[in-house]
Amino acid sequence: MPFPWAIAAKAIPWTEVIAASPAIVKGAKELWSRMRTDPKPGTADDGAEAATPEARLDALNRIVLTLEERNETQTELITRLAEQQAQLVSAIDRAQKRTRLALVVALVAVVTALWPLMFG
């Protein structure tokens, strides 16, 4: 039996999904732009090979801080996406339960309507 997508689409809390979408899109765009503009981790553009050990350590510290910031941003974005997906799964589960209930009610109605014709 095919899944009734129309019922699932009606059960999804679209207002919440739409309300959360701009924040998720903004976070994704910021993450994407930051990943494109930041120097690659592990590369030092300020001549770290010829620099003093302190300068190399400072460059490595900056790289670590950049990676930590990226990790934090990615974690926030993934958390938002996971919450939104959980809401969608919950809505689809409710729609499936409602569909099953509607099927049972329809079956009872058909049996009730046909009972007098068959045994009447």
N, C-alpha and C. Protein backbone atom coordinates (compact mmCIF):
# COMPACT_ATOMS: atom_id res chain seq x y z
N MET A 1 0.85 -1.18 0.00
CA MET A 1 0.00 0.00 0.00
C MET A 1 0.89 1.24 0.00
N PRO A 2 0.72 2.15 -0.95
CA PRO A 2 1.56 3.34 -1.01
C PRO A 2 1.28 4.26 0.17
N PHE A 3 2.31 5.00 0.54
CA PHE A 3 2.20 5.93 1.66
C PHE A 3 1.44 7.17 1.19
N PRO A 4 0.44 7.60 1.94
CA PRO A 4 -0.33 8.79 1.55
C PRO A 4 0.47 10.07 1.84
N TRP A 5 1.21 10.52 0.84
CA TRP A 5 2.07 11.68 1.02
C TRP A 5 1.29 12.96 1.31
N ALA A 6 0.10 13.04 0.80
CA ALA A 6 -0.69 14.25 1.04
C ALA A 6 -1.02 14.40 2.53
N ILE A 7 -1.34 13.30 3.16
CA ILE A 7 -1.65 13.34 4.60
C ILE A 7 -0.40 13.69 5.39
N ALA A 8 0.73 13.10 4.99
CA ALA A 8 1.99 13.40 5.68
C ALA A 8 2.36 14.86 5.51
N ALA A 9 2.16 15.40 4.33
CA ALA A 9 2.49 16.81 4.09
C ALA A 9 1.61 17.73 4.92
N LYS A 10 0.35 17.34 5.14
CA LYS A 10 -0.53 18.16 5.97
C LYS A 10 -0.16 18.09 7.44
N ALA A 11 0.39 16.96 7.86
CA ALA A 11 0.70 16.77 9.28
C ALA A 11 2.02 17.42 9.69
N ILE A 12 2.85 17.76 8.73
CA ILE A 12 4.15 18.37 9.03
C ILE A 12 3.92 19.79 9.53
N PRO A 13 4.57 20.15 10.64
CA PRO A 13 4.40 21.52 11.16
C PRO A 13 5.18 22.51 10.30
N TRP A 14 4.61 22.87 9.16
CA TRP A 14 5.31 23.69 8.19
C TRP A 14 5.66 25.06 8.74
N THR A 15 4.85 25.57 9.65
CA THR A 15 5.18 26.90 10.21
C THR A 15 6.49 26.84 10.98
N GLU A 16 6.71 25.75 11.72
CA GLU A 16 7.96 25.60 12.45
C GLU A 16 9.13 25.37 11.51
N VAL A 17 8.90 24.56 10.49
CA VAL A 17 9.96 24.29 9.51
C VAL A 17 10.36 25.57 8.80
N ILE A 18 9.36 26.34 8.37
CA ILE A 18 9.64 27.58 7.66
C ILE A 18 10.29 28.60 8.60
N ALA A 19 9.86 28.62 9.85
CA ALA A 19 10.45 29.56 10.80
C ALA A 19 11.91 29.23 11.08
N ALA A 20 12.27 27.95 11.09
CA ALA A 20 13.64 27.54 11.39
C ALA A 20 14.54 27.61 10.16
N SER A 21 13.97 27.62 9.00
CA SER A 21 14.76 27.57 7.77
C SER A 21 15.72 28.74 7.58
N PRO A 22 15.32 29.98 7.81
CA PRO A 22 16.27 31.08 7.59
C PRO A 22 17.52 30.96 8.46
N ALA A 23 17.35 30.56 9.71
CA ALA A 23 18.52 30.41 10.58
C ALA A 23 19.44 29.31 10.09
N ILE A 24 18.86 28.24 9.62
CA ILE A 24 19.67 27.13 9.12
C ILE A 24 20.39 27.53 7.84
N VAL A 25 19.69 28.20 6.95
CA VAL A 25 20.30 28.65 5.69
C VAL A 25 21.41 29.65 5.98
N LYS A 26 21.15 30.57 6.90
CA LYS A 26 22.17 31.56 7.26
C LYS A 26 23.41 30.88 7.82
N GLY A 27 23.21 29.93 8.71
CA GLY A 27 24.34 29.20 9.28
C GLY A 27 25.11 28.43 8.24
N ALA A 28 24.40 27.82 7.31
CA ALA A 28 25.07 27.06 6.25
C ALA A 28 25.86 27.99 5.34
N LYS A 29 25.29 29.15 5.01
CA LYS A 29 26.01 30.10 4.16
C LYS A 29 27.25 30.63 4.85
N GLU A 30 27.12 30.96 6.14
CA GLU A 30 28.28 31.44 6.89
C GLU A 30 29.37 30.38 6.95
N LEU A 31 28.97 29.16 7.21
CA LEU A 31 29.93 28.06 7.27
C LEU A 31 30.61 27.88 5.92
N TRP A 32 29.82 27.91 4.85
CA TRP A 32 30.37 27.71 3.51
C TRP A 32 31.33 28.85 3.15
N SER A 33 30.95 30.09 3.44
CA SER A 33 31.83 31.21 3.09
C SER A 33 33.09 31.18 3.94
N ARG A 34 32.97 30.80 5.18
CA ARG A 34 34.14 30.72 6.04
C ARG A 34 35.09 29.62 5.57
N MET A 35 34.54 28.52 5.13
CA MET A 35 35.39 27.44 4.66
C MET A 35 36.09 27.83 3.36
N ARG A 36 35.46 28.65 2.54
CA ARG A 36 36.08 29.06 1.27
C ARG A 36 37.11 30.16 1.47
N THR A 37 36.94 31.02 2.47
CA THR A 37 37.84 32.16 2.63
C THR A 37 38.99 31.89 3.60
N ASP A 38 38.80 31.03 4.58
CA ASP A 38 39.86 30.74 5.53
C ASP A 38 40.97 29.95 4.85
N PRO A 39 42.22 30.19 5.27
CA PRO A 39 43.29 29.37 4.72
C PRO A 39 43.12 27.92 5.17
N LYS A 40 43.61 27.04 4.37
CA LYS A 40 43.49 25.62 4.68
C LYS A 40 44.28 25.32 5.95
N PRO A 41 43.73 24.48 6.83
CA PRO A 41 44.48 24.09 8.02
C PRO A 41 45.75 23.35 7.62
N GLY A 42 46.82 23.66 8.32
CA GLY A 42 48.08 22.99 8.03
C GLY A 42 48.95 23.79 7.08
N THR A 43 48.44 24.90 6.56
CA THR A 43 49.25 25.75 5.70
C THR A 43 49.51 27.05 6.42
N ALA A 44 50.71 27.53 6.28
CA ALA A 44 51.05 28.82 6.88
C ALA A 44 51.57 29.71 5.79
N ASP A 45 50.91 30.82 5.58
CA ASP A 45 51.27 31.72 4.50
C ASP A 45 52.33 32.74 4.92
N ASP A 46 52.66 32.77 6.20
CA ASP A 46 53.59 33.80 6.66
C ASP A 46 55.01 33.27 6.80
N GLY A 47 55.40 32.30 5.98
CA GLY A 47 56.77 31.78 5.98
C GLY A 47 57.13 31.08 7.26
N ALA A 48 56.31 30.18 7.71
CA ALA A 48 56.53 29.50 8.98
C ALA A 48 57.76 28.61 8.96
N GLU A 49 58.20 28.20 7.77
CA GLU A 49 59.37 27.32 7.71
C GLU A 49 60.62 28.05 8.17
N ALA A 50 60.76 29.32 7.81
CA ALA A 50 61.97 30.07 8.16
C ALA A 50 61.78 30.86 9.44
N ALA A 51 60.59 30.84 10.01
CA ALA A 51 60.30 31.64 11.20
C ALA A 51 60.86 30.98 12.46
N THR A 52 60.79 31.72 13.51
CA THR A 52 61.25 31.20 14.80
C THR A 52 60.24 30.18 15.33
N PRO A 53 60.64 29.36 16.26
CA PRO A 53 59.69 28.39 16.83
C PRO A 53 58.47 29.06 17.46
N GLU A 54 58.67 30.24 18.05
CA GLU A 54 57.54 30.95 18.66
C GLU A 54 56.53 31.38 17.60
N ALA A 55 57.04 31.86 16.47
CA ALA A 55 56.15 32.29 15.39
C ALA A 55 55.41 31.09 14.81
N ARG A 56 56.12 29.97 14.68
CA ARG A 56 55.47 28.76 14.18
C ARG A 56 54.40 28.29 15.16
N LEU A 57 54.69 28.39 16.46
CA LEU A 57 53.71 27.99 17.47
C LEU A 57 52.49 28.90 17.42
N ASP A 58 52.71 30.21 17.24
CA ASP A 58 51.59 31.14 17.12
C ASP A 58 50.73 30.81 15.89
N ALA A 59 51.40 30.49 14.78
CA ALA A 59 50.66 30.13 13.56
C ALA A 59 49.84 28.86 13.79
N LEU A 60 50.41 27.89 14.45
CA LEU A 60 49.69 26.66 14.75
C LEU A 60 48.52 26.92 15.70
N ASN A 61 48.71 27.80 16.66
CA ASN A 61 47.63 28.15 17.58
C ASN A 61 46.47 28.81 16.84
N ARG A 62 46.80 29.69 15.87
CA ARG A 62 45.74 30.32 15.08
C ARG A 62 44.99 29.26 14.25
N ILE A 63 45.73 28.32 13.71
CA ILE A 63 45.08 27.25 12.93
C ILE A 63 44.17 26.42 13.81
N VAL A 64 44.62 26.09 15.00
CA VAL A 64 43.80 25.31 15.93
C VAL A 64 42.55 26.08 16.31
N LEU A 65 42.68 27.37 16.59
CA LEU A 65 41.51 28.18 16.92
C LEU A 65 40.53 28.24 15.76
N THR A 66 41.05 28.36 14.54
CA THR A 66 40.18 28.37 13.36
C THR A 66 39.44 27.04 13.24
N LEU A 67 40.14 25.96 13.44
CA LEU A 67 39.50 24.65 13.37
C LEU A 67 38.45 24.47 14.46
N GLU A 68 38.73 24.97 15.65
CA GLU A 68 37.75 24.89 16.73
C GLU A 68 36.50 25.70 16.40
N GLU A 69 36.68 26.89 15.83
CA GLU A 69 35.53 27.72 15.45
C GLU A 69 34.70 27.02 14.38
N ARG A 70 35.37 26.45 13.40
CA ARG A 70 34.65 25.72 12.35
C ARG A 70 33.89 24.54 12.94
N ASN A 71 34.55 23.83 13.82
CA ASN A 71 33.91 22.66 14.44
C ASN A 71 32.67 23.08 15.23
N GLU A 72 32.76 24.17 15.94
CA GLU A 72 31.63 24.66 16.72
C GLU A 72 30.47 25.08 15.81
N THR A 73 30.80 25.78 14.73
CA THR A 73 29.77 26.20 13.77
C THR A 73 29.11 25.00 13.12
N GLN A 74 29.92 24.04 12.72
CA GLN A 74 29.37 22.84 12.09
C GLN A 74 28.50 22.06 13.07
N THR A 75 28.91 21.99 14.31
CA THR A 75 28.13 21.28 15.31
C THR A 75 26.77 21.96 15.52
N GLU A 76 26.75 23.28 15.58
CA GLU A 76 25.48 24.00 15.73
C GLU A 76 24.56 23.75 14.54
N LEU A 77 25.13 23.79 13.34
CA LEU A 77 24.33 23.58 12.14
C LEU A 77 23.77 22.16 12.11
N ILE A 78 24.60 21.20 12.43
CA ILE A 78 24.15 19.80 12.43
C ILE A 78 23.08 19.59 13.49
N THR A 79 23.23 20.24 14.63
CA THR A 79 22.22 20.12 15.69
C THR A 79 20.89 20.69 15.22
N ARG A 80 20.91 21.85 14.56
CA ARG A 80 19.66 22.43 14.05
C ARG A 80 19.02 21.51 13.01
N LEU A 81 19.83 20.98 12.12
CA LEU A 81 19.30 20.08 11.10
C LEU A 81 18.72 18.81 11.73
N ALA A 82 19.39 18.29 12.74
CA ALA A 82 18.89 17.09 13.41
C ALA A 82 17.57 17.36 14.12
N GLU A 83 17.45 18.53 14.75
CA GLU A 83 16.19 18.88 15.41
C GLU A 83 15.06 19.00 14.40
N GLN A 84 15.36 19.62 13.26
CA GLN A 84 14.34 19.78 12.24
C GLN A 84 13.94 18.41 11.66
N GLN A 85 14.92 17.55 11.47
CA GLN A 85 14.62 16.21 10.96
C GLN A 85 13.79 15.42 11.97
N ALA A 86 14.09 15.57 13.25
CA ALA A 86 13.30 14.89 14.28
C ALA A 86 11.85 15.36 14.26
N GLN A 87 11.64 16.65 14.04
CA GLN A 87 10.28 17.17 13.94
C GLN A 87 9.55 16.58 12.74
N LEU A 88 10.25 16.47 11.62
CA LEU A 88 9.63 15.90 10.43
C LEU A 88 9.30 14.43 10.62
N VAL A 89 10.20 13.69 11.23
CA VAL A 89 9.95 12.27 11.49
C VAL A 89 8.76 12.11 12.42
N SER A 90 8.69 12.94 13.43
CA SER A 90 7.56 12.90 14.36
C SER A 90 6.24 13.19 13.64
N ALA A 91 6.26 14.18 12.77
CA ALA A 91 5.04 14.52 12.02
C ALA A 91 4.62 13.39 11.10
N ILE A 92 5.59 12.76 10.45
CA ILE A 92 5.26 11.63 9.57
C ILE A 92 4.73 10.46 10.38
N ASP A 93 5.28 10.23 11.55
CA ASP A 93 4.78 9.16 12.42
C ASP A 93 3.34 9.42 12.83
N ARG A 94 3.03 10.67 13.19
CA ARG A 94 1.66 11.02 13.54
C ARG A 94 0.73 10.82 12.34
N ALA A 95 1.21 11.17 11.16
CA ALA A 95 0.39 11.00 9.96
C ALA A 95 0.12 9.53 9.69
N GLN A 96 1.12 8.69 9.90
CA GLN A 96 0.91 7.25 9.70
C GLN A 96 -0.12 6.71 10.69
N LYS A 97 -0.04 7.15 11.93
CA LYS A 97 -1.01 6.69 12.93
C LYS A 97 -2.42 7.16 12.58
N ARG A 98 -2.54 8.41 12.14
CA ARG A 98 -3.85 8.92 11.74
C ARG A 98 -4.39 8.17 10.53
N THR A 99 -3.51 7.82 9.61
CA THR A 99 -3.92 7.07 8.43
C THR A 99 -4.43 5.70 8.81
N ARG A 100 -3.73 5.04 9.71
CA ARG A 100 -4.18 3.73 10.17
C ARG A 100 -5.54 3.82 10.86
N LEU A 101 -5.70 4.84 11.69
CA LEU A 101 -6.98 5.04 12.37
C LEU A 101 -8.09 5.31 11.35
N ALA A 102 -7.80 6.14 10.36
CA ALA A 102 -8.81 6.43 9.32
C ALA A 102 -9.15 5.17 8.54
N LEU A 103 -8.16 4.32 8.30
CA LEU A 103 -8.42 3.07 7.58
C LEU A 103 -9.31 2.15 8.40
N VAL A 104 -9.05 2.06 9.69
CA VAL A 104 -9.88 1.23 10.56
C VAL A 104 -11.31 1.77 10.61
N VAL A 105 -11.45 3.08 10.75
CA VAL A 105 -12.79 3.69 10.79
C VAL A 105 -13.51 3.45 9.47
N ALA A 106 -12.82 3.60 8.36
CA ALA A 106 -13.44 3.36 7.06
C ALA A 106 -13.85 1.90 6.91
N LEU A 107 -13.02 0.99 7.37
CA LEU A 107 -13.34 -0.44 7.30
C LEU A 107 -14.57 -0.77 8.13
N VAL A 108 -14.63 -0.21 9.33
CA VAL A 108 -15.80 -0.42 10.19
C VAL A 108 -17.05 0.16 9.52
N ALA A 109 -16.93 1.32 8.91
CA ALA A 109 -18.07 1.95 8.23
C ALA A 109 -18.54 1.09 7.06
N VAL A 110 -17.62 0.53 6.29
CA VAL A 110 -17.99 -0.31 5.16
C VAL A 110 -18.68 -1.58 5.64
N VAL A 111 -18.11 -2.21 6.66
CA VAL A 111 -18.72 -3.43 7.19
C VAL A 111 -20.11 -3.12 7.75
N THR A 112 -20.24 -2.00 8.46
CA THR A 112 -21.54 -1.62 9.01
C THR A 112 -22.55 -1.34 7.90
N ALA A 113 -22.11 -0.72 6.83
CA ALA A 113 -23.01 -0.41 5.73
C ALA A 113 -23.41 -1.67 4.96
N LEU A 114 -22.51 -2.61 4.82
CA LEU A 114 -22.79 -3.81 4.03
C LEU A 114 -23.43 -4.93 4.85
N TRP A 115 -23.40 -4.85 6.14
CA TRP A 115 -23.93 -5.90 7.00
C TRP A 115 -25.40 -6.20 6.71
N PRO A 116 -26.26 -5.18 6.68
CA PRO A 116 -27.66 -5.48 6.41
C PRO A 116 -27.88 -6.06 4.99
N LEU A 117 -27.08 -5.69 4.05
CA LEU A 117 -27.24 -6.21 2.69
C LEU A 117 -26.85 -7.69 2.60
N MET A 118 -25.84 -8.07 3.34
CA MET A 118 -25.36 -9.44 3.28
C MET A 118 -26.17 -10.38 4.18
N PHE A 119 -26.54 -9.93 5.37
CA PHE A 119 -27.19 -10.80 6.34
C PHE A 119 -28.59 -10.33 6.70
N GLY A 120 -29.07 -9.36 6.02
CA GLY A 120 -30.23 -8.69 6.39
C GLY A 120 -31.55 -9.19 6.19
